[in-house]
């Protein structure tokens, strides 16, 4: 990473300490080294824009209460939810009822005076975070980008897209596959026929929000592999050598973020194993490039 800075019309850009890179015939702007406070000022505005985007989308979600709650939040507990309908269709095709889930809508109650209002605020904020995630990542990239050399920027091309894509993919995976299974398993589990399940709104929302967010984070596994490979802390040989150990860790991680039933754990663990293999491929490409540069 370069050390000196020059002032530009649209913020600060780093300049190589070896000298100016522009045409020597053109007039050069005076170089200026940014102080620690200047760094904080630049960072502050990136944070302000990122937080503002979250609040804007949160406000939009708050306004569209009926859409957010009736069509998204409460949908996985009903038979009409996409996943429940497809599993019911598959169950009829195979002639078994084992795959039919959430055929009886789960009853949810509110026991606190401000419970529904606080739930409305919480869900609106979570929706704002999820929708604004690509822009937040973009603002982080804008802060980091000026500190990179040209070759580092080239290698990092597409990072915002891939991080955002994997996060959204993980959220959708958790929402459409893990959440319905979780609601069905925990909502229909009985220790005694004399005890009925009447689920509190806060408990339901905690499960519904934590699972997609967790899967969105763990789906970043290939990006972690990419970063660690670039800094030289990870090699494909290392990942292959400890593949079995990694699969055990992924299985334990799947058990943490899913309900205690084997189907949900397997459904989470399988894509994580695939992402681990993708990480090996990514690490292999990074190390091959590094070796080629060293040979040159």
Protein backbone atom coordinates (compact mmCIF):
# COMPACT_ATOMS: atom_id res chain seq x y z
CA UNK A 1 0.00 0.00 0.00
CA UNK A 2 1.29 3.45 -0.86
CA UNK A 3 2.22 6.09 1.65
CA UNK A 4 1.65 9.55 0.16
CA UNK A 5 -1.55 11.23 -0.88
CA UNK A 6 -2.63 13.90 -3.31
CA UNK A 7 -5.69 16.05 -3.08
CA UNK A 8 -8.22 15.53 -5.89
CA UNK A 9 -11.56 17.10 -6.81
CA UNK A 10 -13.46 14.02 -5.63
CA UNK A 11 -11.66 13.09 -2.42
CA UNK A 12 -8.17 11.81 -1.76
CA UNK A 13 -6.15 9.39 -3.83
CA UNK A 14 -2.97 7.65 -2.83
CA UNK A 15 0.13 8.23 -4.95
CA UNK A 16 3.10 5.93 -5.22
CA UNK A 17 6.02 7.08 -3.09
CA UNK A 18 8.36 6.40 -6.03
CA UNK A 19 7.08 9.49 -7.80
CA UNK A 20 4.24 10.91 -9.91
CA UNK A 21 2.59 8.63 -12.44
CA UNK A 22 1.12 11.37 -14.68
CA UNK A 23 2.75 12.81 -17.76
CA UNK A 24 5.70 14.96 -16.75
CA UNK A 25 4.71 17.60 -19.33
CA UNK A 26 1.45 18.27 -17.53
CA UNK A 27 1.38 20.54 -14.48
CA UNK A 28 1.57 18.56 -11.26
CA UNK A 29 -0.68 19.26 -8.32
CA UNK A 30 1.07 19.70 -5.00
CA UNK A 31 1.32 16.52 -2.97
CA UNK A 32 -0.26 16.42 0.39
CA UNK A 33 0.07 13.84 3.11
CA UNK A 34 -3.18 13.06 4.87
CA UNK A 35 -3.14 13.24 8.62
CA UNK A 36 -4.86 10.80 10.93
CA UNK A 37 -7.72 13.27 11.36
CA UNK A 38 -8.06 13.54 7.57
CA UNK A 39 -8.43 9.76 7.43
CA UNK A 40 -11.10 9.90 10.10
CA UNK A 41 -12.95 12.63 8.21
CA UNK A 42 -13.01 10.57 5.01
CA UNK A 43 -14.06 7.47 6.93
CA UNK A 44 -16.78 9.40 8.75
CA UNK A 45 -18.55 10.35 5.54
CA UNK A 46 -18.40 6.80 4.23
CA UNK A 47 -19.98 5.62 7.48
CA UNK A 48 -22.60 8.38 7.33
CA UNK A 49 -23.64 7.38 3.80
CA UNK A 50 -23.71 3.67 4.70
CA UNK A 51 -25.82 4.23 7.83
CA UNK A 52 -28.10 6.62 5.94
CA UNK A 53 -28.78 3.95 3.31
CA UNK A 54 -29.75 1.48 6.04
CA UNK A 55 -32.16 3.96 7.61
CA UNK A 56 -33.69 4.86 4.24
CA UNK A 57 -34.48 1.22 3.46
CA UNK A 58 -35.61 0.66 7.06
CA UNK A 59 -38.07 3.55 6.73
CA UNK A 60 -39.38 2.10 3.47
CA UNK A 61 -39.82 -1.27 5.16
CA UNK A 62 -41.56 0.41 8.11
CA UNK A 63 -44.01 2.14 5.78
CA UNK A 64 -44.77 -1.09 3.89
CA UNK A 65 -45.77 -2.97 7.04
CA UNK A 66 -48.39 -5.19 5.40
CA UNK A 67 -46.03 -6.36 2.68
CA UNK A 68 -43.15 -7.03 5.07
CA UNK A 69 -45.16 -8.91 7.70
CA UNK A 70 -47.99 -10.60 5.79
CA UNK A 71 -46.04 -11.57 2.66
CA UNK A 72 -42.52 -12.11 4.02
CA UNK A 73 -42.24 -12.47 7.81
CA UNK A 74 -45.34 -14.56 8.57
CA UNK A 75 -45.42 -16.45 5.26
CA UNK A 76 -43.10 -19.40 6.13
CA UNK A 77 -45.57 -20.65 8.77
CA UNK A 78 -48.42 -21.09 6.26
CA UNK A 79 -49.15 -23.87 3.72
CA UNK A 80 -49.13 -21.32 0.86
CA UNK A 81 -45.45 -20.46 1.31
CA UNK A 82 -43.39 -21.38 -1.76
CA UNK A 83 -41.20 -23.98 -0.03
CA UNK A 84 -44.14 -25.59 1.76
CA UNK A 85 -46.11 -25.86 -1.49
CA UNK A 86 -43.19 -27.41 -3.39
CA UNK A 87 -42.50 -29.95 -0.65
CA UNK A 88 -46.20 -30.82 -0.53
CA UNK A 89 -46.19 -31.33 -4.29
CA UNK A 90 -43.11 -33.55 -4.00
CA UNK A 91 -44.74 -35.49 -1.16
CA UNK A 92 -47.83 -36.17 -3.31
CA UNK A 93 -45.60 -37.22 -6.19
CA UNK A 94 -43.71 -39.70 -3.99
CA UNK A 95 -46.85 -40.84 -2.16
CA UNK A 96 -45.66 -39.87 1.32
CA UNK A 97 -46.68 -37.24 3.84
CA UNK A 98 -43.26 -37.07 5.47
CA UNK A 99 -42.23 -34.09 3.34
CA UNK A 100 -45.34 -32.02 4.03
CA UNK A 101 -44.49 -29.23 6.45
CA UNK A 102 -46.39 -26.30 7.97
CA UNK A 103 -49.74 -27.54 6.71
CA UNK A 104 -51.39 -26.06 9.80
CA UNK A 105 -50.47 -22.36 10.28
CA UNK A 106 -48.48 -21.78 13.45
CA UNK A 107 -50.37 -19.69 15.99
CA UNK A 108 -48.44 -16.61 17.09
CA UNK A 109 -49.45 -14.32 19.94
CA UNK A 110 -48.24 -11.05 21.43
CA UNK A 111 -48.08 -10.76 25.22
CA UNK A 112 -46.51 -7.32 25.63
CA UNK A 113 -48.17 -3.93 25.26
CA UNK A 114 -45.44 -2.55 22.99
CA UNK A 115 -44.53 -5.93 21.56
CA UNK A 116 -45.93 -5.46 18.06
CA UNK A 117 -44.54 -1.94 17.73
CA UNK A 118 -41.06 -3.04 18.83
CA UNK A 119 -41.28 -6.03 16.47
CA UNK A 120 -42.18 -3.61 13.68
CA UNK A 121 -39.09 -1.51 14.41
CA UNK A 122 -36.80 -4.54 14.67
CA UNK A 123 -37.93 -6.11 11.41
CA UNK A 124 -37.73 -2.77 9.59
CA UNK A 125 -34.13 -2.33 10.75
CA UNK A 126 -33.16 -5.90 9.75
CA UNK A 127 -34.77 -5.39 6.35
CA UNK A 128 -32.82 -2.15 5.96
CA UNK A 129 -29.53 -3.91 6.75
CA UNK A 130 -30.18 -6.73 4.27
CA UNK A 131 -31.32 -4.51 1.40
CA UNK A 132 -28.60 -1.90 1.98
CA UNK A 133 -25.85 -4.51 2.35
CA UNK A 134 -24.50 -4.12 -1.23
CA UNK A 135 -24.26 -0.35 -0.86
CA UNK A 136 -22.63 -0.62 2.58
CA UNK A 137 -20.00 -2.97 1.13
CA UNK A 138 -19.54 -0.53 -1.76
CA UNK A 139 -18.84 2.32 0.69
CA UNK A 140 -16.27 0.18 2.50
CA UNK A 141 -14.63 -0.57 -0.84
CA UNK A 142 -14.57 3.13 -1.76
CA UNK A 143 -12.66 3.85 1.45
CA UNK A 144 -10.14 1.06 0.90
CA UNK A 145 -9.67 1.44 -2.86
CA UNK A 146 -7.48 4.59 -2.89
CA UNK A 147 -4.94 2.84 -0.66
CA UNK A 148 -4.32 0.07 -3.20
CA UNK A 149 -1.79 -0.12 -6.00
CA UNK A 150 -3.12 -0.60 -9.53
CA UNK A 151 -2.35 -4.33 -9.54
CA UNK A 152 -4.06 -4.72 -6.16
CA UNK A 153 -7.13 -2.93 -7.47
CA UNK A 154 -7.16 -5.24 -10.50
CA UNK A 155 -7.05 -8.33 -8.32
CA UNK A 156 -9.86 -6.94 -6.15
CA UNK A 157 -12.14 -6.21 -9.11
CA UNK A 158 -15.62 -7.61 -8.50
CA UNK A 159 -15.16 -8.01 -4.74
CA UNK A 160 -18.21 -5.86 -3.95
CA UNK A 161 -20.35 -7.89 -6.33
CA UNK A 162 -19.24 -11.30 -5.08
CA UNK A 163 -19.52 -10.41 -1.38
CA UNK A 164 -22.99 -8.95 -1.92
CA UNK A 165 -24.07 -11.86 -4.11
CA UNK A 166 -22.94 -14.49 -1.60
CA UNK A 167 -24.59 -12.63 1.28
CA UNK A 168 -27.94 -12.28 -0.52
CA UNK A 169 -27.71 -15.89 -1.70
CA UNK A 170 -27.13 -17.04 1.88
CA UNK A 171 -30.05 -14.96 3.17
CA UNK A 172 -32.40 -16.39 0.53
CA UNK A 173 -31.15 -19.92 1.24
CA UNK A 174 -31.80 -19.51 4.95
CA UNK A 175 -35.21 -17.89 4.41
CA UNK A 176 -36.61 -20.32 1.84
CA UNK A 177 -35.12 -23.58 3.11
CA UNK A 178 -33.97 -23.40 6.71
CA UNK A 179 -36.66 -21.15 8.20
CA UNK A 180 -39.65 -23.30 7.06
CA UNK A 181 -37.97 -26.44 8.39
CA UNK A 182 -37.14 -24.68 11.65
CA UNK A 183 -40.69 -23.40 12.09
CA UNK A 184 -42.15 -26.81 11.32
CA UNK A 185 -39.80 -28.77 13.59
CA UNK A 186 -39.93 -26.48 16.62
CA UNK A 187 -43.55 -25.45 16.16
CA UNK A 188 -44.83 -29.02 15.92
CA UNK A 189 -42.57 -30.56 18.57
CA UNK A 190 -44.47 -31.81 21.63
CA UNK A 191 -43.22 -33.23 24.90
CA UNK A 192 -46.80 -33.98 25.96
CA UNK A 193 -50.21 -33.86 24.31
CA UNK A 194 -51.41 -31.78 27.28
CA UNK A 195 -49.06 -28.92 26.36
CA UNK A 196 -49.98 -26.83 23.33
CA UNK A 197 -47.62 -24.61 21.35
CA UNK A 198 -48.56 -20.94 21.30
CA UNK A 199 -45.50 -19.07 20.07
CA UNK A 200 -44.67 -15.52 21.17
CA UNK A 201 -44.12 -12.99 18.43
CA UNK A 202 -40.64 -12.08 19.70
CA UNK A 203 -39.51 -15.72 19.74
CA UNK A 204 -40.73 -16.28 16.19
CA UNK A 205 -39.05 -13.13 14.89
CA UNK A 206 -35.75 -13.96 16.59
CA UNK A 207 -35.58 -17.29 14.79
CA UNK A 208 -36.71 -15.86 11.47
CA UNK A 209 -34.12 -13.07 11.47
CA UNK A 210 -31.13 -14.89 12.99
CA UNK A 211 -31.14 -17.88 10.64
CA UNK A 212 -31.01 -15.96 7.30
CA UNK A 213 -28.43 -13.51 8.65
CA UNK A 214 -26.26 -16.39 9.89
CA UNK A 215 -26.42 -18.22 6.56
CA UNK A 216 -25.65 -14.96 4.76
CA UNK A 217 -22.44 -14.63 6.79
CA UNK A 218 -21.29 -18.26 6.48
CA UNK A 219 -21.81 -18.12 2.72
CA UNK A 220 -18.83 -15.74 2.65
CA UNK A 221 -16.53 -18.77 3.00
CA UNK A 222 -15.04 -18.44 -0.53
CA UNK A 223 -14.28 -14.75 0.10
CA UNK A 224 -12.49 -15.63 3.36
CA UNK A 225 -10.47 -18.19 1.41
CA UNK A 226 -9.67 -15.55 -1.21
CA UNK A 227 -8.47 -13.00 1.36
CA UNK A 228 -6.37 -15.46 3.38
CA UNK A 229 -4.81 -16.81 0.19
CA UNK A 230 -3.88 -13.31 -0.99
CA UNK A 231 -2.09 -12.53 2.27
CA UNK A 232 -0.31 -15.89 2.15
CA UNK A 233 -1.96 -17.47 5.19
CA UNK A 234 -3.84 -20.14 3.26
CA UNK A 235 -2.82 -22.58 0.53
CA UNK A 236 -4.84 -25.15 -1.42
CA UNK A 237 -2.61 -27.94 -0.09
CA UNK A 238 -3.44 -26.90 3.47
CA UNK A 239 -7.17 -26.84 2.71
CA UNK A 240 -7.01 -30.26 1.07
CA UNK A 241 -4.99 -31.72 3.92
CA UNK A 242 -7.48 -30.59 6.57
CA UNK A 243 -10.61 -31.08 4.45
CA UNK A 244 -12.06 -33.72 6.80
CA UNK A 245 -11.45 -31.53 9.83
CA UNK A 246 -13.07 -28.59 8.06
CA UNK A 247 -16.15 -30.66 7.23
CA UNK A 248 -16.54 -31.55 10.91
CA UNK A 249 -16.33 -27.86 11.81
CA UNK A 250 -18.90 -27.03 9.11
CA UNK A 251 -21.20 -29.73 10.45
CA UNK A 252 -20.93 -28.27 13.96
CA UNK A 253 -21.55 -24.80 12.57
CA UNK A 254 -24.63 -26.08 10.75
CA UNK A 255 -25.90 -27.58 14.01
CA UNK A 256 -25.51 -24.20 15.73
CA UNK A 257 -27.49 -22.17 13.21
CA UNK A 258 -30.22 -24.75 12.57
CA UNK A 259 -32.81 -26.53 14.74
CA UNK A 260 -31.79 -29.87 16.26
CA UNK A 261 -32.99 -32.05 13.39
CA UNK A 262 -30.72 -33.89 10.99
CA UNK A 263 -32.49 -32.71 7.81
CA UNK A 264 -31.86 -29.02 8.45
CA UNK A 265 -28.26 -29.66 9.45
CA UNK A 266 -27.56 -31.61 6.27
CA UNK A 267 -29.27 -28.99 4.10
CA UNK A 268 -27.00 -26.29 5.55
CA UNK A 269 -23.84 -28.38 5.68
CA UNK A 270 -23.96 -29.55 2.05
CA UNK A 271 -23.78 -26.08 0.46
CA UNK A 272 -21.08 -25.10 2.97
CA UNK A 273 -19.03 -28.10 1.84
CA UNK A 274 -19.52 -27.02 -1.76
CA UNK A 275 -18.39 -23.49 -0.84
CA UNK A 276 -15.33 -24.97 0.88
CA UNK A 277 -14.41 -26.76 -2.34
CA UNK A 278 -14.93 -23.50 -4.22
CA UNK A 279 -12.54 -21.92 -1.70
CA UNK A 280 -9.91 -24.53 -2.60
CA UNK A 281 -10.25 -23.64 -6.29
CA UNK A 282 -9.99 -19.93 -5.49
CA UNK A 283 -6.93 -20.47 -3.30
CA UNK A 284 -5.31 -22.58 -6.01
CA UNK A 285 -5.76 -19.82 -8.60
CA UNK A 286 -4.37 -17.16 -6.26
CA UNK A 287 -1.28 -19.22 -5.42
CA UNK A 288 -0.71 -20.04 -9.10
CA UNK A 289 -0.75 -16.32 -9.94
CA UNK A 290 1.63 -15.57 -7.08
CA UNK A 291 4.09 -18.24 -8.25
CA UNK A 292 3.92 -16.93 -11.81
CA UNK A 293 4.71 -13.39 -10.59
CA UNK A 294 7.62 -14.69 -8.52
CA UNK A 295 9.03 -16.59 -11.49
CA UNK A 296 8.84 -13.48 -13.65
